[in-house]
Amino acid sequence: MSQRPRVVITDFIAGPLEMERRILGEIADIAALDASSEDELLGKIEDASAIMMYHTVSITAKTIDRLKDCKIIVRCGVGYDNVDWRLARQRGIAVANVPDYGTEEVADSAIGMTLALTRGISLFNSRLREAQGDWMFTQAAPVWRLRGRVFGIVGLGRIGSAAALRAKSLGMDVVFHDPYAPDGRDKSLGVRRVESLEALLAEAHVVSMHCPLTPETYHLINAETIAQMKRGSFLVNTARGGVVDVTAIPAALAAGQLAGAGIDVLEQEPPPADHPLLVAWRDPQHPAYHRLIVNPHAAFYSEEGLQDMRIKGTEACRRAMLGLPLRNIVN
């Protein structure tokens, strides 16, 4: 009797696995490793017919080269920089992502951070809790009306487009930079396109990051590009941690170049306690204490979104194992 195919969930999901078994139970066994590092996969993943991975671990050559008969690696999320998809392609292994599971949630979070920062909501709450200053609107002055202000989007994919529509509904003038967005997307959404990042930074009141992490976008926002932003503007990142060099943010807040920043993602999660961003954020004497919002890579989360992520990732494995046409292949 031949051994049943095996699907391995590397991380994040520990169980129960009712959703996954409902989709795959008739054709495969399912195991959730709940690993916190790639080294923990050793000896547990080599015979997998399909792999589902989230964001806690990476899959590099040392894992891919041990796979015996894997048909697909599914990154259950949008970004796929934590899997060596190029090597997987060379080994004949498809890599897919789940590009639409958290579109609404991340766009909502980007706009939520924007409102909390630009309306002074977070700053008021922080300063009043610390009994600092007068019980007056002047705590956050100057606060400008959002209607007519420029909302700059870097990366007009699914989530960037959803954020654009939300910003438009607030009456903001939405401008975007994305060299890979097809012609006409600006017209279909009713937004403006600029051909350079510099042009976007020069006019945006809020810069919201929605691009993938690639060698081209790594630290796209840094001390130099922050200096090109309008003085007193705001930065929001709900994309990938590596697209912003966050070590430049404390100095920019202290100098007033940035009036506030909302950061949902960091390059290392959780970050070390001595991370420069966190040190400033926790220092009552630093402007970041009141003007910086830090979230734990939570913009994607809703109960419905988490369910979508698991179901769509599992369905991708099922298609691969049954020889059906694959979707959302990134390699």
C-alpha atoms as a PDB file:
ATOM      1  CA  MET A   1       0.000   0.000   0.000  1.00  0.00           C
ATOM      2  CA  SER A   2       1.385   3.399  -0.950  1.00  0.00           C
ATOM      3  CA  GLN A   3       1.855   5.987   1.753  1.00  0.00           C
ATOM      4  CA  ARG A   4      -0.687   8.785   1.861  1.00  0.00           C
ATOM      5  CA  PRO A   5       0.599  12.173   0.694  1.00  0.00           C
ATOM      6  CA  ARG A   6       1.563  14.522   3.501  1.00  0.00           C
ATOM      7  CA  VAL A   7       0.939  18.264   3.799  1.00  0.00           C
ATOM      8  CA  VAL A   8       3.069  20.141   6.311  1.00  0.00           C
ATOM      9  CA  ILE A   9       2.158  23.484   7.892  1.00  0.00           C
ATOM     10  CA  THR A  10       5.469  24.917   9.045  1.00  0.00           C
ATOM     11  CA  ASP A  11       4.524  27.683  11.471  1.00  0.00           C
ATOM     12  CA  PHE A  12       1.937  30.030  13.019  1.00  0.00           C
ATOM     13  CA  ILE A  13      -0.939  27.531  12.920  1.00  0.00           C
ATOM     14  CA  ALA A  14      -0.658  24.908  15.640  1.00  0.00           C
ATOM     15  CA  GLY A  15      -4.153  23.461  15.480  1.00  0.00           C
ATOM     16  CA  PRO A  16      -6.890  22.471  15.569  1.00  0.00           C
ATOM     17  CA  LEU A  17      -6.889  21.874  11.811  1.00  0.00           C
ATOM     18  CA  GLU A  18     -10.573  21.368  11.043  1.00  0.00           C
ATOM     19  CA  MET A  19     -10.512  23.804   8.104  1.00  0.00           C
ATOM     20  CA  GLU A  20      -7.491  22.182   6.527  1.00  0.00           C
ATOM     21  CA  ARG A  21      -8.763  18.637   7.051  1.00  0.00           C
ATOM     22  CA  ARG A  22     -12.139  19.518   5.587  1.00  0.00           C
ATOM     23  CA  ILE A  23     -10.390  20.415   2.321  1.00  0.00           C
ATOM     24  CA  LEU A  24      -7.517  17.902   2.282  1.00  0.00           C
ATOM     25  CA  GLY A  25      -8.536  15.088   4.591  1.00  0.00           C
ATOM     26  CA  GLU A  26      -9.647  12.733   1.839  1.00  0.00           C
ATOM     27  CA  ILE A  27      -6.381  12.944  -0.073  1.00  0.00           C
ATOM     28  CA  ALA A  28      -3.611  13.698   2.423  1.00  0.00           C
ATOM     29  CA  ASP A  29      -2.441  13.674   6.016  1.00  0.00           C
ATOM     30  CA  ILE A  30      -1.788  17.083   7.583  1.00  0.00           C
ATOM     31  CA  ALA A  31       0.781  18.032  10.198  1.00  0.00           C
ATOM     32  CA  ALA A  32       1.316  21.390  11.882  1.00  0.00           C
ATOM     33  CA  LEU A  33       4.892  21.828  13.126  1.00  0.00           C
ATOM     34  CA  ASP A  34       4.446  25.217  14.846  1.00  0.00           C
ATOM     35  CA  ALA A  35       8.134  25.929  14.190  1.00  0.00           C
ATOM     36  CA  SER A  36       9.785  29.182  15.208  1.00  0.00           C
ATOM     37  CA  SER A  37      12.882  28.771  13.006  1.00  0.00           C
ATOM     38  CA  GLU A  38      13.908  26.950   9.847  1.00  0.00           C
ATOM     39  CA  ASP A  39      16.236  24.679  11.816  1.00  0.00           C
ATOM     40  CA  GLU A  40      13.210  23.173  13.557  1.00  0.00           C
ATOM     41  CA  LEU A  41      11.988  21.802  10.213  1.00  0.00           C
ATOM     42  CA  LEU A  42      14.917  19.382   9.943  1.00  0.00           C
ATOM     43  CA  GLY A  43      13.733  15.789   9.712  1.00  0.00           C
ATOM     44  CA  LYS A  44      10.047  16.785   9.707  1.00  0.00           C
ATOM     45  CA  ILE A  45       9.436  18.164   6.231  1.00  0.00           C
ATOM     46  CA  GLU A  46      11.505  16.187   3.724  1.00  0.00           C
ATOM     47  CA  ASP A  47       8.677  13.857   2.626  1.00  0.00           C
ATOM     48  CA  ALA A  48       6.035  16.583   2.264  1.00  0.00           C
ATOM     49  CA  SER A  49       3.991  16.616  -0.936  1.00  0.00           C
ATOM     50  CA  ALA A  50       2.931  20.195  -0.210  1.00  0.00           C
ATOM     51  CA  ILE A  51       4.021  22.827   2.289  1.00  0.00           C
ATOM     52  CA  MET A  52       2.046  25.683   3.783  1.00  0.00           C
ATOM     53  CA  MET A  53       4.119  28.424   5.429  1.00  0.00           C
ATOM     54  CA  TYR A  54       3.222  31.653   7.147  1.00  0.00           C
ATOM     55  CA  HIS A  55       5.583  34.427   8.296  1.00  0.00           C
ATOM     56  CA  THR A  56       7.443  33.055  11.323  1.00  0.00           C
ATOM     57  CA  VAL A  57       9.983  30.907   9.452  1.00  0.00           C
ATOM     58  CA  SER A  58      11.906  31.133   6.202  1.00  0.00           C
ATOM     59  CA  ILE A  59      12.461  28.358   3.686  1.00  0.00           C
ATOM     60  CA  THR A  60      15.889  28.574   2.096  1.00  0.00           C
ATOM     61  CA  ALA A  61      18.202  26.268   0.169  1.00  0.00           C
ATOM     62  CA  LYS A  62      18.983  24.118   3.208  1.00  0.00           C
ATOM     63  CA  THR A  63      15.315  23.094   3.349  1.00  0.00           C
ATOM     64  CA  ILE A  64      14.450  23.106  -0.350  1.00  0.00           C
ATOM     65  CA  ASP A  65      17.401  20.861  -1.213  1.00  0.00           C
ATOM     66  CA  ARG A  66      16.089  18.223   1.214  1.00  0.00           C
ATOM     67  CA  LEU A  67      12.589  18.052  -0.256  1.00  0.00           C
ATOM     68  CA  LYS A  68      12.021  14.719  -2.026  1.00  0.00           C
ATOM     69  CA  ASP A  69       8.708  15.090  -3.870  1.00  0.00           C
ATOM     70  CA  CYS A  70       7.207  18.472  -3.019  1.00  0.00           C
ATOM     71  CA  LYS A  71       4.786  19.834  -5.600  1.00  0.00           C
ATOM     72  CA  ILE A  72       4.057  23.239  -4.106  1.00  0.00           C
ATOM     73  CA  ILE A  73       5.066  25.635  -1.355  1.00  0.00           C
ATOM     74  CA  VAL A  74       2.228  27.975  -0.431  1.00  0.00           C
ATOM     75  CA  ARG A  75       3.083  31.215   1.353  1.00  0.00           C
ATOM     76  CA  CYS A  76      -0.163  31.824   3.216  1.00  0.00           C
ATOM     77  CA  GLY A  77       0.055  35.582   2.918  1.00  0.00           C
ATOM     78  CA  VAL A  78       0.890  38.266   0.393  1.00  0.00           C
ATOM     79  CA  GLY A  79       4.653  38.759   0.705  1.00  0.00           C
ATOM     80  CA  TYR A  80       6.904  35.849  -0.247  1.00  0.00           C
ATOM     81  CA  ASP A  81      10.368  37.180   0.531  1.00  0.00           C
ATOM     82  CA  ASN A  82      10.809  34.481   3.219  1.00  0.00           C
ATOM     83  CA  VAL A  83      10.950  31.654   0.676  1.00  0.00           C
ATOM     84  CA  ASP A  84      13.669  31.112  -1.948  1.00  0.00           C
ATOM     85  CA  TRP A  85      11.235  30.969  -4.836  1.00  0.00           C
ATOM     86  CA  ARG A  86      13.978  31.140  -7.447  1.00  0.00           C
ATOM     87  CA  LEU A  87      15.658  27.985  -6.192  1.00  0.00           C
ATOM     88  CA  ALA A  88      12.267  26.295  -5.835  1.00  0.00           C
ATOM     89  CA  ARG A  89      11.620  27.007  -9.514  1.00  0.00           C
ATOM     90  CA  GLN A  90      14.946  25.390 -10.424  1.00  0.00           C
ATOM     91  CA  ARG A  91      13.915  22.327  -8.405  1.00  0.00           C
ATOM     92  CA  GLY A  92      10.530  22.166 -10.168  1.00  0.00           C
ATOM     93  CA  ILE A  93       8.550  23.242  -7.106  1.00  0.00           C
ATOM     94  CA  ALA A  94       5.778  25.779  -7.592  1.00  0.00           C
ATOM     95  CA  VAL A  95       5.555  28.639  -5.089  1.00  0.00           C
ATOM     96  CA  ALA A  96       2.206  30.359  -4.628  1.00  0.00           C
ATOM     97  CA  ASN A  97       0.952  33.098  -2.349  1.00  0.00           C
ATOM     98  CA  VAL A  98      -2.473  34.173  -1.110  1.00  0.00           C
ATOM     99  CA  PRO A  99      -2.573  37.723  -2.439  1.00  0.00           C
ATOM    100  CA  ASP A 100      -6.113  38.735  -1.519  1.00  0.00           C
ATOM    101  CA  TYR A 101      -6.820  37.396   1.951  1.00  0.00           C
ATOM    102  CA  GLY A 102      -6.153  40.591   3.928  1.00  0.00           C
ATOM    103  CA  THR A 103      -6.788  43.293   1.369  1.00  0.00           C
ATOM    104  CA  GLU A 104      -9.573  45.001   3.293  1.00  0.00           C
ATOM    105  CA  GLU A 105      -7.941  44.586   6.694  1.00  0.00           C
ATOM    106  CA  VAL A 106      -4.553  46.031   5.717  1.00  0.00           C
ATOM    107  CA  ALA A 107      -6.138  48.921   3.822  1.00  0.00           C
ATOM    108  CA  ASP A 108      -8.355  49.653   6.837  1.00  0.00           C
ATOM    109  CA  SER A 109      -5.308  49.578   9.112  1.00  0.00           C
ATOM    110  CA  ALA A 110      -3.364  51.973   6.879  1.00  0.00           C
ATOM    111  CA  ILE A 111      -6.239  54.432   6.903  1.00  0.00           C
ATOM    112  CA  GLY A 112      -6.784  53.881  10.628  1.00  0.00           C
ATOM    113  CA  MET A 113      -3.178  54.772  11.358  1.00  0.00           C
ATOM    114  CA  THR A 114      -3.462  57.746   9.024  1.00  0.00           C
ATOM    115  CA  LEU A 115      -6.479  59.097  10.893  1.00  0.00           C
ATOM    116  CA  ALA A 116      -4.975  58.422  14.324  1.00  0.00           C
ATOM    117  CA  LEU A 117      -1.846  60.346  13.338  1.00  0.00           C
ATOM    118  CA  THR A 118      -3.178  63.203  11.236  1.00  0.00           C
ATOM    119  CA  ARG A 119      -6.133  63.987  13.489  1.00  0.00           C
ATOM    120  CA  GLY A 120      -3.951  63.920  16.600  1.00  0.00           C
ATOM    121  CA  ILE A 121      -5.973  61.064  18.100  1.00  0.00           C
ATOM    122  CA  SER A 122      -2.981  59.009  19.183  1.00  0.00           C
ATOM    123  CA  LEU A 123      -1.005  62.031  20.376  1.00  0.00           C
ATOM    124  CA  PHE A 124      -3.900  63.418  22.443  1.00  0.00           C
ATOM    125  CA  ASN A 125      -4.437  60.049  24.105  1.00  0.00           C
ATOM    126  CA  SER A 126      -0.748  59.543  24.829  1.00  0.00           C
ATOM    127  CA  ARG A 127      -0.063  62.989  26.279  1.00  0.00           C
ATOM    128  CA  LEU A 128      -3.230  63.201  28.369  1.00  0.00           C
ATOM    129  CA  ARG A 129      -2.572  59.751  29.828  1.00  0.00           C
ATOM    130  CA  GLU A 130       0.824  61.032  30.947  1.00  0.00           C
ATOM    131  CA  ALA A 131      -0.791  64.200  32.349  1.00  0.00           C
ATOM    132  CA  GLN A 132       1.312  66.320  30.005  1.00  0.00           C
ATOM    133  CA  GLY A 133       0.126  69.720  28.820  1.00  0.00           C
ATOM    134  CA  ASP A 134      -3.273  71.364  28.885  1.00  0.00           C
ATOM    135  CA  TRP A 135      -6.588  69.588  28.366  1.00  0.00           C
ATOM    136  CA  MET A 136      -6.876  71.364  25.046  1.00  0.00           C
ATOM    137  CA  PHE A 137      -6.857  70.755  21.307  1.00  0.00           C
ATOM    138  CA  THR A 138      -3.657  72.760  21.137  1.00  0.00           C
ATOM    139  CA  GLN A 139      -1.743  69.677  22.289  1.00  0.00           C
ATOM    140  CA  ALA A 140      -1.619  68.463  18.675  1.00  0.00           C
ATOM    141  CA  ALA A 141      -1.641  71.788  16.860  1.00  0.00           C
ATOM    142  CA  PRO A 142      -1.359  72.315  14.002  1.00  0.00           C
ATOM    143  CA  VAL A 143      -3.855  69.757  12.704  1.00  0.00           C
ATOM    144  CA  TRP A 144      -4.899  70.248   9.095  1.00  0.00           C
ATOM    145  CA  ARG A 145      -8.132  69.310   7.373  1.00  0.00           C
ATOM    146  CA  LEU A 146      -7.658  66.049   5.445  1.00  0.00           C
ATOM    147  CA  ARG A 147      -9.911  66.929   2.529  1.00  0.00           C
ATOM    148  CA  GLY A 148      -7.682  68.093  -0.286  1.00  0.00           C
ATOM    149  CA  ARG A 149      -4.489  66.854   1.372  1.00  0.00           C
ATOM    150  CA  VAL A 150      -2.298  64.501  -0.648  1.00  0.00           C
ATOM    151  CA  PHE A 151      -2.271  60.815   0.250  1.00  0.00           C
ATOM    152  CA  GLY A 152       0.773  59.233  -1.397  1.00  0.00           C
ATOM    153  CA  ILE A 153       0.769  55.497  -2.103  1.00  0.00           C
ATOM    154  CA  VAL A 154       3.926  53.553  -2.913  1.00  0.00           C
ATOM    155  CA  GLY A 155       2.792  50.378  -4.659  1.00  0.00           C
ATOM    156  CA  LEU A 156      -0.678  50.290  -6.232  1.00  0.00           C
ATOM    157  CA  GLY A 157      -1.468  46.594  -6.023  1.00  0.00           C
ATOM    158  CA  ARG A 158      -4.578  45.099  -4.458  1.00  0.00           C
ATOM    159  CA  ILE A 159      -4.028  46.619  -1.023  1.00  0.00           C
ATOM    160  CA  GLY A 160      -2.687  49.916  -2.354  1.00  0.00           C
ATOM    161  CA  SER A 161      -5.770  50.223  -4.544  1.00  0.00           C
ATOM    162  CA  ALA A 162      -8.080  49.486  -1.620  1.00  0.00           C
ATOM    163  CA  ALA A 163      -6.279  52.124   0.473  1.00  0.00           C
ATOM    164  CA  ALA A 164      -6.577  54.584  -2.412  1.00  0.00           C
ATOM    165  CA  LEU A 165     -10.356  54.185  -2.536  1.00  0.00           C
ATOM    166  CA  ARG A 166     -10.622  54.676   1.210  1.00  0.00           C
ATOM    167  CA  ALA A 167      -8.458  57.797   1.137  1.00  0.00           C
ATOM    168  CA  LYS A 168     -10.546  59.150  -1.750  1.00  0.00           C
ATOM    169  CA  SER A 169     -13.682  58.673   0.321  1.00  0.00           C
ATOM    170  CA  LEU A 170     -12.123  61.017   2.897  1.00  0.00           C
ATOM    171  CA  GLY A 171     -11.748  63.647   0.210  1.00  0.00           C
ATOM    172  CA  MET A 172      -7.990  63.258  -0.089  1.00  0.00           C
ATOM    173  CA  ASP A 173      -6.069  63.819  -3.302  1.00  0.00           C
ATOM    174  CA  VAL A 174      -4.560  60.390  -3.961  1.00  0.00           C
ATOM    175  CA  VAL A 175      -1.279  60.105  -5.819  1.00  0.00           C
ATOM    176  CA  PHE A 176       0.744  56.948  -6.373  1.00  0.00           C
ATOM    177  CA  HIS A 177       4.110  55.730  -7.586  1.00  0.00           C
ATOM    178  CA  ASP A 178       4.393  52.213  -8.966  1.00  0.00           C
ATOM    179  CA  PRO A 179       6.550  51.553 -12.037  1.00  0.00           C
ATOM    180  CA  TYR A 180       4.931  48.131 -12.455  1.00  0.00           C
ATOM    181  CA  ALA A 181       1.285  49.202 -12.367  1.00  0.00           C
ATOM    182  CA  PRO A 182      -0.279  48.892 -15.835  1.00  0.00           C
ATOM    183  CA  ASP A 183      -1.344  51.987 -17.713  1.00  0.00           C
ATOM    184  CA  GLY A 184      -4.937  52.910 -17.005  1.00  0.00           C
ATOM    185  CA  ARG A 185      -5.113  51.730 -13.406  1.00  0.00           C
ATOM    186  CA  ASP A 186      -4.948  55.368 -12.325  1.00  0.00           C
ATOM    187  CA  LYS A 187      -7.952  56.180 -14.513  1.00  0.00           C
ATOM    188  CA  SER A 188      -9.987  53.227 -13.267  1.00  0.00           C
ATOM    189  CA  LEU A 189      -9.453  54.307  -9.649  1.00  0.00           C
ATOM    190  CA  GLY A 190      -9.554  58.039 -10.224  1.00  0.00           C
ATOM    191  CA  VAL A 191      -6.112  58.687  -8.755  1.00  0.00           C
ATOM    192  CA  ARG A 192      -2.979  60.460 -10.018  1.00  0.00           C
ATOM    193  CA  ARG A 193       0.198  58.769 -11.120  1.00  0.00           C
ATOM    194  CA  VAL A 194       3.701  60.191 -10.699  1.00  0.00           C
ATOM    195  CA  GLU A 195       6.721  58.691 -12.397  1.00  0.00           C
ATOM    196  CA  SER A 196       9.200  58.999  -9.545  1.00  0.00           C
ATOM    197  CA  LEU A 197       9.306  58.378  -5.830  1.00  0.00           C
ATOM    198  CA  GLU A 198      10.888  61.801  -5.387  1.00  0.00           C
ATOM    199  CA  ALA A 199       7.864  63.476  -6.971  1.00  0.00           C
ATOM    200  CA  LEU A 200       5.506  61.622  -4.632  1.00  0.00           C
ATOM    201  CA  LEU A 201       7.519  62.428  -1.522  1.00  0.00           C
ATOM    202  CA  ALA A 202       7.676  66.103  -2.427  1.00  0.00           C
ATOM    203  CA  GLU A 203       3.903  66.600  -2.395  1.00  0.00           C
ATOM    204  CA  ALA A 204       2.434  63.956  -0.079  1.00  0.00           C
ATOM    205  CA  HIS A 205       1.012  64.880   3.322  1.00  0.00           C
ATOM    206  CA  VAL A 206       0.862  61.141   4.124  1.00  0.00           C
ATOM    207  CA  VAL A 207       3.110  58.473   2.562  1.00  0.00           C
ATOM    208  CA  SER A 208       1.623  54.985   2.833  1.00  0.00           C
ATOM    209  CA  MET A 209       3.731  51.978   1.855  1.00  0.00           C
ATOM    210  CA  HIS A 210       2.073  49.118  -0.042  1.00  0.00           C
ATOM    211  CA  CYS A 211       4.885  47.649  -2.136  1.00  0.00           C
ATOM    212  CA  PRO A 212       6.407  44.162  -1.880  1.00  0.00           C
ATOM    213  CA  LEU A 213       9.866  43.648  -0.414  1.00  0.00           C
ATOM    214  CA  THR A 214      12.388  43.112  -3.207  1.00  0.00           C
ATOM    215  CA  PRO A 215      16.042  44.080  -3.668  1.00  0.00           C
ATOM    216  CA  GLU A 216      14.692  47.160  -5.438  1.00  0.00           C
ATOM    217  CA  THR A 217      12.450  48.221  -2.545  1.00  0.00           C
ATOM    218  CA  TYR A 218      14.682  47.285   0.385  1.00  0.00           C
ATOM    219  CA  HIS A 219      15.028  50.403   2.577  1.00  0.00           C
ATOM    220  CA  LEU A 220      13.302  52.406  -0.129  1.00  0.00           C
ATOM    221  CA  ILE A 221      12.345  54.801   2.646  1.00  0.00           C
ATOM    222  CA  ASN A 222      15.434  55.823   4.593  1.00  0.00           C
ATOM    223  CA  ALA A 223      17.047  58.916   6.084  1.00  0.00           C
ATOM    224  CA  GLU A 224      17.708  60.361   2.623  1.00  0.00           C
ATOM    225  CA  THR A 225      14.207  59.825   1.255  1.00  0.00           C
ATOM    226  CA  ILE A 226      12.547  60.958   4.494  1.00  0.00           C
ATOM    227  CA  ALA A 227      14.486  64.208   4.077  1.00  0.00           C
ATOM    228  CA  GLN A 228      12.768  64.600   0.687  1.00  0.00           C
ATOM    229  CA  MET A 229       9.299  64.424   2.244  1.00  0.00           C
ATOM    230  CA  LYS A 230       7.324  67.528   3.112  1.00  0.00           C
ATOM    231  CA  ARG A 231       8.282  68.837   6.519  1.00  0.00           C
ATOM    232  CA  GLY A 232       5.660  67.779   9.055  1.00  0.00           C
ATOM    233  CA  SER A 233       4.332  64.897   6.957  1.00  0.00           C
ATOM    234  CA  PHE A 234       3.403  61.389   8.085  1.00  0.00           C
ATOM    235  CA  LEU A 235       4.711  57.919   7.221  1.00  0.00           C
ATOM    236  CA  VAL A 236       2.671  54.697   7.427  1.00  0.00           C
ATOM    237  CA  ASN A 237       4.017  51.218   6.704  1.00  0.00           C
ATOM    238  CA  THR A 238       1.695  48.221   6.610  1.00  0.00           C
ATOM    239  CA  ALA A 239       3.626  46.469   3.811  1.00  0.00           C
ATOM    240  CA  ARG A 240       6.870  44.651   4.680  1.00  0.00           C
ATOM    241  CA  GLY A 241       9.329  45.658   7.370  1.00  0.00           C
ATOM    242  CA  GLY A 242      12.308  45.881   5.067  1.00  0.00           C
ATOM    243  CA  VAL A 243      10.908  48.591   2.799  1.00  0.00           C
ATOM    244  CA  VAL A 244      11.504  51.205   5.528  1.00  0.00           C
ATOM    245  CA  ASP A 245      14.746  51.763   7.411  1.00  0.00           C
ATOM    246  CA  VAL A 246      13.002  52.529  10.680  1.00  0.00           C
ATOM    247  CA  THR A 247      16.245  53.515  12.405  1.00  0.00           C
ATOM    248  CA  ALA A 248      15.869  56.839  10.552  1.00  0.00           C
ATOM    249  CA  ILE A 249      12.455  57.563  12.074  1.00  0.00           C
ATOM    250  CA  PRO A 250      13.408  58.705  15.611  1.00  0.00           C
ATOM    251  CA  ALA A 251      15.724  61.433  14.323  1.00  0.00           C
ATOM    252  CA  ALA A 252      13.133  62.550  11.768  1.00  0.00           C
ATOM    253  CA  LEU A 253      10.488  62.825  14.503  1.00  0.00           C
ATOM    254  CA  ALA A 254      12.877  64.680  16.805  1.00  0.00           C
ATOM    255  CA  ALA A 255      13.715  67.175  14.044  1.00  0.00           C
ATOM    256  CA  GLY A 256      10.064  67.703  13.073  1.00  0.00           C
ATOM    257  CA  GLN A 257      10.661  66.389   9.556  1.00  0.00           C
ATOM    258  CA  LEU A 258       8.063  63.742  10.354  1.00  0.00           C
ATOM    259  CA  ALA A 259       5.064  64.767  12.421  1.00  0.00           C
ATOM    260  CA  GLY A 260       4.215  61.127  13.074  1.00  0.00           C
ATOM    261  CA  ALA A 261       4.683  57.563  11.900  1.00  0.00           C
ATOM    262  CA  GLY A 262       2.642  54.369  12.019  1.00  0.00           C
ATOM    263  CA  ILE A 263       4.655  51.146  11.765  1.00  0.00           C
ATOM    264  CA  ASP A 264       2.939  47.763  11.623  1.00  0.00           C
ATOM    265  CA  VAL A 265       5.883  45.722  10.315  1.00  0.00           C
ATOM    266  CA  LEU A 266       9.566  45.446  11.206  1.00  0.00           C
ATOM    267  CA  GLU A 267      12.455  43.551   9.652  1.00  0.00           C
ATOM    268  CA  GLN A 268      12.820  41.398  12.754  1.00  0.00           C
ATOM    269  CA  GLU A 269       9.673  40.360  14.588  1.00  0.00           C
ATOM    270  CA  PRO A 270       9.604  40.553  17.501  1.00  0.00           C
ATOM    271  CA  PRO A 271      12.355  43.173  17.527  1.00  0.00           C
ATOM    272  CA  PRO A 272      15.137  43.152  20.143  1.00  0.00           C
ATOM    273  CA  ALA A 273      14.551  45.332  23.193  1.00  0.00           C
ATOM    274  CA  ASP A 274      17.443  47.593  22.228  1.00  0.00           C
ATOM    275  CA  HIS A 275      16.115  48.319  18.740  1.00  0.00           C
ATOM    276  CA  PRO A 276      16.599  52.073  18.146  1.00  0.00           C
ATOM    277  CA  LEU A 277      12.969  52.553  17.147  1.00  0.00           C
ATOM    278  CA  LEU A 278      11.657  50.893  20.284  1.00  0.00           C
ATOM    279  CA  VAL A 279      14.124  52.679  22.526  1.00  0.00           C
ATOM    280  CA  ALA A 280      12.848  56.049  21.260  1.00  0.00           C
ATOM    281  CA  TRP A 281       9.199  54.899  21.335  1.00  0.00           C
ATOM    282  CA  ARG A 282       9.505  53.933  25.003  1.00  0.00           C
ATOM    283  CA  ASP A 283      11.387  57.046  26.065  1.00  0.00           C
ATOM    284  CA  PRO A 284       8.990  59.640  27.594  1.00  0.00           C
ATOM    285  CA  GLN A 285      11.496  62.359  26.710  1.00  0.00           C
ATOM    286  CA  HIS A 286      11.569  61.502  22.993  1.00  0.00           C
ATOM    287  CA  PRO A 287       8.923  62.819  20.543  1.00  0.00           C
ATOM    288  CA  ALA A 288       8.448  59.236  19.321  1.00  0.00           C
ATOM    289  CA  TYR A 289       6.808  58.452  22.648  1.00  0.00           C
ATOM    290  CA  HIS A 290       3.738  60.406  21.564  1.00  0.00           C
ATOM    291  CA  ARG A 291       4.066  60.550  17.784  1.00  0.00           C
ATOM    292  CA  LEU A 292       4.909  56.958  16.852  1.00  0.00           C
ATOM    293  CA  ILE A 293       2.418  54.092  16.605  1.00  0.00           C
ATOM    294  CA  VAL A 294       3.912  50.583  16.639  1.00  0.00           C
ATOM    295  CA  ASN A 295       1.792  47.483  15.995  1.00  0.00           C
ATOM    296  CA  PRO A 296       2.891  43.803  16.056  1.00  0.00           C
ATOM    297  CA  HIS A 297       2.411  42.936  12.353  1.00  0.00           C
ATOM    298  CA  ALA A 298      -1.334  42.901  12.967  1.00  0.00           C
ATOM    299  CA  ALA A 299      -2.722  44.900  10.033  1.00  0.00           C
ATOM    300  CA  PHE A 300      -3.691  41.699   8.205  1.00  0.00           C
ATOM    301  CA  TYR A 301      -5.708  40.342  11.077  1.00  0.00           C
ATOM    302  CA  SER A 302      -9.417  39.771  11.352  1.00  0.00           C
ATOM    303  CA  GLU A 303     -11.130  36.505  12.180  1.00  0.00           C
ATOM    304  CA  GLU A 304     -12.569  36.414   8.662  1.00  0.00           C
ATOM    305  CA  GLY A 305      -9.217  37.270   7.089  1.00  0.00           C
ATOM    306  CA  LEU A 306      -7.404  34.589   9.046  1.00  0.00           C
ATOM    307  CA  GLN A 307      -9.960  32.042   7.907  1.00  0.00           C
ATOM    308  CA  ASP A 308      -9.584  33.169   4.285  1.00  0.00           C
ATOM    309  CA  MET A 309      -5.813  32.808   4.529  1.00  0.00           C
ATOM    310  CA  ARG A 310      -6.005  29.252   5.810  1.00  0.00           C
ATOM    311  CA  ILE A 311      -8.724  28.101   3.429  1.00  0.00           C
ATOM    312  CA  LYS A 312      -7.176  29.615   0.301  1.00  0.00           C
ATOM    313  CA  GLY A 313      -3.728  28.290   1.190  1.00  0.00           C
ATOM    314  CA  THR A 314      -5.138  24.802   1.726  1.00  0.00           C
ATOM    315  CA  GLU A 315      -7.111  24.920  -1.517  1.00  0.00           C
ATOM    316  CA  ALA A 316      -3.886  25.774  -3.377  1.00  0.00           C
ATOM    317  CA  CYS A 317      -2.299  22.605  -1.978  1.00  0.00           C
ATOM    318  CA  ARG A 318      -5.328  20.557  -3.007  1.00  0.00           C
ATOM    319  CA  ARG A 319      -5.149  21.827  -6.595  1.00  0.00           C
ATOM    320  CA  ALA A 320      -1.469  20.955  -6.834  1.00  0.00           C
ATOM    321  CA  MET A 321      -1.915  17.479  -5.426  1.00  0.00           C
ATOM    322  CA  LEU A 322      -4.828  16.721  -7.759  1.00  0.00           C
ATOM    323  CA  GLY A 323      -3.014  18.069 -10.807  1.00  0.00           C
ATOM    324  CA  LEU A 324      -5.457  20.922 -11.315  1.00  0.00           C
ATOM    325  CA  PRO A 325      -4.443  24.323 -12.763  1.00  0.00           C
ATOM    326  CA  LEU A 326      -2.522  26.340 -10.191  1.00  0.00           C
ATOM    327  CA  ARG A 327      -3.298  29.912  -9.228  1.00  0.00           C
ATOM    328  CA  ASN A 328      -1.255  32.806  -7.840  1.00  0.00           C
ATOM    329  CA  ILE A 329       2.081  31.236  -8.769  1.00  0.00           C
ATOM    330  CA  VAL A 330       4.915  33.669  -8.049  1.00  0.00           C
ATOM    331  CA  ASN A 331       7.816  31.694  -9.531  1.00  0.00           C
END
